[in-house]
């Protein structure tokens, strides 16, 4: 896994969301698989209010405390100047402007590379003098083809740091 630091501007998002914990997600009652399914079934990428539909964001925000507390996840796209039309369950959120430590996974099936990348993020911050800010972290899936291939994914995870 490669890692680097970057400063990112604020990004406006629109998407679907849920509140969960890491403990819930490691058990049988995880909400994220269903949230991803809802996102893909929404057809949001073809909405005229979406900018850069080839980028999918999973924003982790509203942290209760730290890696052990509750948080909200929003899966969606960048919102442009037009209003996103359709499902009234869409939520708006902002990726905060911040300094981020970026972790890039290897390629492979999403169900393998994403959890592995998060395990490496958690291990990194246990040993690093850098501190997480818990102001908003996000996964970025950036693809060029018309269809995302869940069997051959690469994810960049942006962790806000102090």
C-alpha atoms as a PDB file:
ATOM      1  CA  UNK A   1       0.000   0.000   0.000  1.00  0.00           C
ATOM      2  CA  UNK A   2       1.294   3.434  -0.871  1.00  0.00           C
ATOM      3  CA  UNK A   3       0.694   6.501   1.273  1.00  0.00           C
ATOM      4  CA  UNK A   4       1.227  10.252   0.937  1.00  0.00           C
ATOM      5  CA  UNK A   5      -0.052  13.544   2.415  1.00  0.00           C
ATOM      6  CA  UNK A   6      -2.117  16.098   0.511  1.00  0.00           C
ATOM      7  CA  UNK A   7      -4.252  19.167   1.133  1.00  0.00           C
ATOM      8  CA  UNK A   8      -7.754  18.834  -0.309  1.00  0.00           C
ATOM      9  CA  UNK A   9     -10.382  21.517  -0.883  1.00  0.00           C
ATOM     10  CA  UNK A  10     -13.962  21.201   0.307  1.00  0.00           C
ATOM     11  CA  UNK A  11     -16.142  18.960  -1.879  1.00  0.00           C
ATOM     12  CA  UNK A  12     -19.950  19.051  -1.935  1.00  0.00           C
ATOM     13  CA  UNK A  13     -21.546  15.592  -2.081  1.00  0.00           C
ATOM     14  CA  UNK A  14     -25.001  14.139  -2.568  1.00  0.00           C
ATOM     15  CA  UNK A  15     -25.818  10.547  -1.746  1.00  0.00           C
ATOM     16  CA  UNK A  16     -27.412   7.977   0.525  1.00  0.00           C
ATOM     17  CA  UNK A  17     -26.409   7.584   4.145  1.00  0.00           C
ATOM     18  CA  UNK A  18     -26.630   5.559   7.325  1.00  0.00           C
ATOM     19  CA  UNK A  19     -25.216   5.627  10.842  1.00  0.00           C
ATOM     20  CA  UNK A  20     -23.161   2.666  12.088  1.00  0.00           C
ATOM     21  CA  UNK A  21     -20.103   1.540  14.063  1.00  0.00           C
ATOM     22  CA  UNK A  22     -17.086  -0.571  13.198  1.00  0.00           C
ATOM     23  CA  UNK A  23     -18.326  -3.217  15.646  1.00  0.00           C
ATOM     24  CA  UNK A  24     -21.638  -3.459  13.764  1.00  0.00           C
ATOM     25  CA  UNK A  25     -19.846  -3.665  10.423  1.00  0.00           C
ATOM     26  CA  UNK A  26     -17.714  -6.628  11.491  1.00  0.00           C
ATOM     27  CA  UNK A  27     -20.813  -8.599  12.501  1.00  0.00           C
ATOM     28  CA  UNK A  28     -23.826  -9.882  10.608  1.00  0.00           C
ATOM     29  CA  UNK A  29     -25.809  -6.675  11.161  1.00  0.00           C
ATOM     30  CA  UNK A  30     -23.527  -4.433   9.099  1.00  0.00           C
ATOM     31  CA  UNK A  31     -25.380  -1.685   7.263  1.00  0.00           C
ATOM     32  CA  UNK A  32     -22.776  -0.791   4.658  1.00  0.00           C
ATOM     33  CA  UNK A  33     -23.447  -3.627   2.167  1.00  0.00           C
ATOM     34  CA  UNK A  34     -27.104  -2.568   2.031  1.00  0.00           C
ATOM     35  CA  UNK A  35     -26.122   1.081   1.683  1.00  0.00           C
ATOM     36  CA  UNK A  36     -23.895   0.235  -1.290  1.00  0.00           C
ATOM     37  CA  UNK A  37     -26.759  -1.710  -2.847  1.00  0.00           C
ATOM     38  CA  UNK A  38     -29.115   1.251  -2.352  1.00  0.00           C
ATOM     39  CA  UNK A  39     -26.530   3.567  -3.922  1.00  0.00           C
ATOM     40  CA  UNK A  40     -26.037   1.425  -7.034  1.00  0.00           C
ATOM     41  CA  UNK A  41     -29.776   0.902  -7.471  1.00  0.00           C
ATOM     42  CA  UNK A  42     -30.412   4.656  -7.256  1.00  0.00           C
ATOM     43  CA  UNK A  43     -28.946   5.452 -10.683  1.00  0.00           C
ATOM     44  CA  UNK A  44     -27.569   8.646  -9.180  1.00  0.00           C
ATOM     45  CA  UNK A  45     -24.570   8.793 -11.559  1.00  0.00           C
ATOM     46  CA  UNK A  46     -26.839   9.676 -14.500  1.00  0.00           C
ATOM     47  CA  UNK A  47     -28.477  12.566 -12.660  1.00  0.00           C
ATOM     48  CA  UNK A  48     -27.803  15.992 -14.286  1.00  0.00           C
ATOM     49  CA  UNK A  49     -26.904  17.491 -10.879  1.00  0.00           C
ATOM     50  CA  UNK A  50     -23.960  15.110 -10.452  1.00  0.00           C
ATOM     51  CA  UNK A  51     -20.444  16.230 -11.381  1.00  0.00           C
ATOM     52  CA  UNK A  52     -17.723  13.693 -12.264  1.00  0.00           C
ATOM     53  CA  UNK A  53     -19.988  10.624 -12.174  1.00  0.00           C
ATOM     54  CA  UNK A  54     -16.924   8.394 -12.634  1.00  0.00           C
ATOM     55  CA  UNK A  55     -15.955   9.173  -9.029  1.00  0.00           C
ATOM     56  CA  UNK A  56     -17.749   7.512  -6.135  1.00  0.00           C
ATOM     57  CA  UNK A  57     -17.174   8.819  -2.624  1.00  0.00           C
ATOM     58  CA  UNK A  58     -17.838   7.095   0.693  1.00  0.00           C
ATOM     59  CA  UNK A  59     -17.638   9.862   3.300  1.00  0.00           C
ATOM     60  CA  UNK A  60     -17.234   8.983   6.989  1.00  0.00           C
ATOM     61  CA  UNK A  61     -18.410  11.885   9.151  1.00  0.00           C
ATOM     62  CA  UNK A  62     -20.128  12.946  12.371  1.00  0.00           C
ATOM     63  CA  UNK A  63     -17.810  10.795  14.456  1.00  0.00           C
ATOM     64  CA  UNK A  64     -19.099  10.189  17.968  1.00  0.00           C
ATOM     65  CA  UNK A  65     -15.547   9.798  19.284  1.00  0.00           C
ATOM     66  CA  UNK A  66     -12.880   7.759  17.536  1.00  0.00           C
ATOM     67  CA  UNK A  67     -12.484   4.449  15.689  1.00  0.00           C
ATOM     68  CA  UNK A  68     -14.663   2.776  18.340  1.00  0.00           C
ATOM     69  CA  UNK A  69     -17.639   5.166  18.231  1.00  0.00           C
ATOM     70  CA  UNK A  70     -20.599   5.645  15.925  1.00  0.00           C
ATOM     71  CA  UNK A  71     -20.262   7.551  12.643  1.00  0.00           C
ATOM     72  CA  UNK A  72     -22.332   8.422   9.587  1.00  0.00           C
ATOM     73  CA  UNK A  73     -21.436   7.158   6.112  1.00  0.00           C
ATOM     74  CA  UNK A  74     -22.643   8.865   2.933  1.00  0.00           C
ATOM     75  CA  UNK A  75     -22.043   7.144  -0.407  1.00  0.00           C
ATOM     76  CA  UNK A  76     -22.468   9.400  -3.399  1.00  0.00           C
ATOM     77  CA  UNK A  77     -21.083  11.759  -5.985  1.00  0.00           C
ATOM     78  CA  UNK A  78     -19.920  15.349  -6.241  1.00  0.00           C
ATOM     79  CA  UNK A  79     -22.886  17.711  -6.456  1.00  0.00           C
ATOM     80  CA  UNK A  80     -22.792  20.415  -9.100  1.00  0.00           C
ATOM     81  CA  UNK A  81     -24.677  23.662  -9.481  1.00  0.00           C
ATOM     82  CA  UNK A  82     -27.939  21.960 -10.491  1.00  0.00           C
ATOM     83  CA  UNK A  83     -30.114  20.323  -7.896  1.00  0.00           C
ATOM     84  CA  UNK A  84     -29.919  16.548  -7.883  1.00  0.00           C
ATOM     85  CA  UNK A  85     -33.347  15.323  -8.863  1.00  0.00           C
ATOM     86  CA  UNK A  86     -35.154  12.173  -7.914  1.00  0.00           C
ATOM     87  CA  UNK A  87     -35.073  10.307  -4.656  1.00  0.00           C
ATOM     88  CA  UNK A  88     -36.006  12.491  -1.712  1.00  0.00           C
ATOM     89  CA  UNK A  89     -33.867  10.255   0.509  1.00  0.00           C
ATOM     90  CA  UNK A  90     -30.701  11.782  -0.975  1.00  0.00           C
ATOM     91  CA  UNK A  91     -28.651  13.647   1.618  1.00  0.00           C
ATOM     92  CA  UNK A  92     -26.156  16.454   1.109  1.00  0.00           C
ATOM     93  CA  UNK A  93     -22.792  16.503   2.884  1.00  0.00           C
ATOM     94  CA  UNK A  94     -19.440  18.242   2.667  1.00  0.00           C
ATOM     95  CA  UNK A  95     -16.003  16.711   2.636  1.00  0.00           C
ATOM     96  CA  UNK A  96     -14.142  19.294   4.705  1.00  0.00           C
ATOM     97  CA  UNK A  97     -11.101  21.101   3.368  1.00  0.00           C
ATOM     98  CA  UNK A  98      -8.214  19.535   5.280  1.00  0.00           C
ATOM     99  CA  UNK A  99      -4.820  17.893   5.225  1.00  0.00           C
ATOM    100  CA  UNK A 100      -5.199  14.181   4.521  1.00  0.00           C
ATOM    101  CA  UNK A 101      -3.001  11.107   4.760  1.00  0.00           C
ATOM    102  CA  UNK A 102      -3.916   9.089   1.647  1.00  0.00           C
ATOM    103  CA  UNK A 103      -3.681   5.294   1.519  1.00  0.00           C
ATOM    104  CA  UNK A 104      -3.922   3.546  -1.862  1.00  0.00           C
ATOM    105  CA  UNK A 105      -4.882  -0.116  -1.854  1.00  0.00           C
ATOM    106  CA  UNK A 106      -3.749  -2.818  -4.218  1.00  0.00           C
ATOM    107  CA  UNK A 107      -6.132  -4.069  -6.916  1.00  0.00           C
ATOM    108  CA  UNK A 108      -8.521  -6.907  -6.361  1.00  0.00           C
ATOM    109  CA  UNK A 109     -12.045  -7.793  -5.291  1.00  0.00           C
ATOM    110  CA  UNK A 110     -13.676  -4.955  -3.357  1.00  0.00           C
ATOM    111  CA  UNK A 111     -14.649  -7.252  -0.481  1.00  0.00           C
ATOM    112  CA  UNK A 112     -10.923  -8.000   0.014  1.00  0.00           C
ATOM    113  CA  UNK A 113      -9.045  -4.777  -0.800  1.00  0.00           C
ATOM    114  CA  UNK A 114     -11.294  -2.326   1.075  1.00  0.00           C
ATOM    115  CA  UNK A 115     -11.245  -4.103   4.480  1.00  0.00           C
ATOM    116  CA  UNK A 116      -7.520  -4.797   4.070  1.00  0.00           C
ATOM    117  CA  UNK A 117      -6.867  -1.123   3.340  1.00  0.00           C
ATOM    118  CA  UNK A 118      -8.796  -0.084   6.456  1.00  0.00           C
ATOM    119  CA  UNK A 119      -6.827  -2.566   8.596  1.00  0.00           C
ATOM    120  CA  UNK A 120      -3.638  -0.930   7.314  1.00  0.00           C
ATOM    121  CA  UNK A 121      -5.013   2.549   8.081  1.00  0.00           C
ATOM    122  CA  UNK A 122      -5.817   1.543  11.668  1.00  0.00           C
ATOM    123  CA  UNK A 123      -2.391  -0.099  12.102  1.00  0.00           C
ATOM    124  CA  UNK A 124      -0.656   2.996  10.694  1.00  0.00           C
ATOM    125  CA  UNK A 125      -2.316   5.351  13.190  1.00  0.00           C
ATOM    126  CA  UNK A 126      -1.583   3.051  16.136  1.00  0.00           C
ATOM    127  CA  UNK A 127       2.142   3.470  15.407  1.00  0.00           C
ATOM    128  CA  UNK A 128       2.325   6.933  13.839  1.00  0.00           C
ATOM    129  CA  UNK A 129       2.896  10.246  15.621  1.00  0.00           C
ATOM    130  CA  UNK A 130       0.295  11.696  13.208  1.00  0.00           C
ATOM    131  CA  UNK A 131      -3.151  12.055  14.745  1.00  0.00           C
ATOM    132  CA  UNK A 132      -6.478  11.579  13.041  1.00  0.00           C
ATOM    133  CA  UNK A 133      -8.705  14.664  13.136  1.00  0.00           C
ATOM    134  CA  UNK A 134     -12.032  12.771  12.863  1.00  0.00           C
ATOM    135  CA  UNK A 135     -13.516  15.707  10.936  1.00  0.00           C
ATOM    136  CA  UNK A 136     -14.350  13.673   7.835  1.00  0.00           C
ATOM    137  CA  UNK A 137     -12.558  10.828   6.075  1.00  0.00           C
ATOM    138  CA  UNK A 138     -13.419   9.361   2.700  1.00  0.00           C
ATOM    139  CA  UNK A 139     -12.874   6.562   0.257  1.00  0.00           C
ATOM    140  CA  UNK A 140     -12.527   7.509  -3.398  1.00  0.00           C
ATOM    141  CA  UNK A 141     -13.307   5.086  -6.199  1.00  0.00           C
ATOM    142  CA  UNK A 142     -12.243   6.671  -9.496  1.00  0.00           C
ATOM    143  CA  UNK A 143     -12.863   4.682 -12.671  1.00  0.00           C
ATOM    144  CA  UNK A 144     -12.803   5.449 -16.391  1.00  0.00           C
ATOM    145  CA  UNK A 145     -14.921   2.648 -17.817  1.00  0.00           C
ATOM    146  CA  UNK A 146     -18.709   2.949 -17.996  1.00  0.00           C
ATOM    147  CA  UNK A 147     -19.075   0.225 -15.366  1.00  0.00           C
ATOM    148  CA  UNK A 148     -17.256  -0.272 -12.098  1.00  0.00           C
ATOM    149  CA  UNK A 149     -15.674  -3.725 -11.782  1.00  0.00           C
ATOM    150  CA  UNK A 150     -16.021  -4.931  -8.163  1.00  0.00           C
ATOM    151  CA  UNK A 151     -13.636  -7.824  -8.913  1.00  0.00           C
ATOM    152  CA  UNK A 152     -10.791  -5.443  -9.841  1.00  0.00           C
ATOM    153  CA  UNK A 153     -11.009  -2.434  -7.511  1.00  0.00           C
ATOM    154  CA  UNK A 154      -8.508   0.045  -6.198  1.00  0.00           C
ATOM    155  CA  UNK A 155      -9.503   2.449  -3.443  1.00  0.00           C
ATOM    156  CA  UNK A 156      -7.856   5.582  -2.070  1.00  0.00           C
ATOM    157  CA  UNK A 157      -8.696   6.277   1.559  1.00  0.00           C
ATOM    158  CA  UNK A 158      -8.259   9.890   2.711  1.00  0.00           C
ATOM    159  CA  UNK A 159      -7.838  10.284   6.484  1.00  0.00           C
ATOM    160  CA  UNK A 160      -8.021  13.835   7.880  1.00  0.00           C
ATOM    161  CA  UNK A 161      -5.006  14.554  10.074  1.00  0.00           C
ATOM    162  CA  UNK A 162      -4.165  17.273  12.568  1.00  0.00           C
END
